[in-house]
Protein backbone atom coordinates (compact mmCIF):
# COMPACT_ATOMS: atom_id res chain seq x y z
CA MET A 1 0.36 2.00 -15.21
CA ASN A 2 -2.19 -0.01 -16.99
CA ALA A 3 -5.39 1.15 -18.53
CA LYS A 4 -7.60 -0.50 -15.69
CA ASP A 5 -5.43 1.88 -13.23
CA TRP A 6 -5.99 4.89 -15.23
CA LYS A 7 -9.58 4.57 -15.18
CA ILE A 8 -9.47 4.14 -11.38
CA VAL A 9 -7.46 7.15 -10.91
CA GLN A 10 -9.53 9.58 -13.52
CA ARG A 11 -12.73 8.48 -11.81
CA VAL A 12 -10.77 9.38 -8.13
CA PHE A 13 -9.37 12.54 -9.57
CA ASP A 14 -12.98 13.69 -10.98
CA GLN A 15 -14.56 12.67 -7.38
CA ALA A 16 -11.62 14.67 -5.56
CA LEU A 17 -12.44 17.71 -7.70
CA ASN A 18 -15.80 17.99 -6.92
CA THR A 19 -15.04 17.28 -3.18
CA GLU A 20 -14.27 20.15 -0.55
CA GLN A 21 -10.44 20.48 -0.22
CA SER A 22 -10.67 19.88 3.32
CA GLU A 23 -12.61 16.55 2.59
CA ARG A 24 -9.99 15.38 -0.61
CA GLU A 25 -7.60 13.17 1.67
CA LYS A 26 -10.44 11.20 3.14
CA LEU A 27 -12.01 10.55 -0.08
CA ILE A 28 -8.61 9.38 -1.93
CA GLN A 29 -7.89 7.16 1.33
CA GLU A 30 -10.95 5.52 1.19
CA GLN A 31 -11.28 5.18 -2.41
CA LEU A 32 -7.50 3.88 -3.12
CA ASP A 33 -6.87 2.49 0.32
CA GLY A 34 -4.03 -0.05 -0.44
CA GLN A 35 -2.96 1.33 -3.58
CA PRO A 36 -0.43 4.07 -2.75
CA ARG A 37 0.85 4.29 -6.37
CA LEU A 38 -2.72 5.21 -7.51
CA GLU A 39 -2.96 7.55 -4.44
CA GLN A 40 0.10 9.26 -5.52
CA LYS A 41 -0.77 9.66 -8.94
CA VAL A 42 -4.38 11.19 -7.88
CA TRP A 43 -2.11 14.09 -5.40
CA GLU A 44 -0.04 14.79 -8.45
CA LEU A 45 -2.80 15.74 -10.91
CA LEU A 46 -4.53 17.45 -8.27
CA GLU A 47 -1.46 19.70 -7.54
CA ALA A 48 -0.75 19.90 -11.41
CA ASP A 49 -4.24 21.35 -11.85
CA ALA A 50 -4.11 23.82 -9.12
CA ALA A 51 -0.70 25.26 -10.38
CA ASN A 52 -2.21 25.24 -14.09
CA SER A 53 -5.17 26.92 -13.00
CA THR A 54 -5.69 30.85 -12.48
CA PHE A 55 -8.94 30.62 -11.18
CA GLY A 56 -9.11 27.69 -9.51
CA SER A 57 -8.93 23.66 -10.17
CA THR A 58 -10.83 23.09 -13.24
CA GLY A 59 -9.51 19.81 -14.10
CA ALA A 60 -8.43 20.30 -17.80
CA ALA A 61 -4.65 20.32 -16.89
CA ALA A 62 -4.70 16.98 -15.02
CA ARG A 63 -7.36 15.63 -17.26
CA ALA A 64 -4.47 16.18 -20.37
CA ALA A 65 -2.07 14.43 -18.28
CA LEU A 66 -4.38 11.25 -18.11
CA THR A 67 -3.29 10.78 -21.63
CA PHE A 68 -1.23 7.38 -21.55
CA ASP A 69 0.50 5.07 -24.19
CA LYS A 70 -1.47 1.73 -24.37
């Protein structure tokens, strides 16, 4: 995944964190329609964040996963 794609994923991930869980699917589909690879990465980050957070979603775990090699 290139740097441009990562920026898109991070933007959508941040928006999804600030969206009610019931509205996340709609948001992600609207923002990334036609880009299933990016949609999948956002969902993976959201799942990782939820699994690694004791008190609910903070975004910290998934943001750490956004580190990539250029």
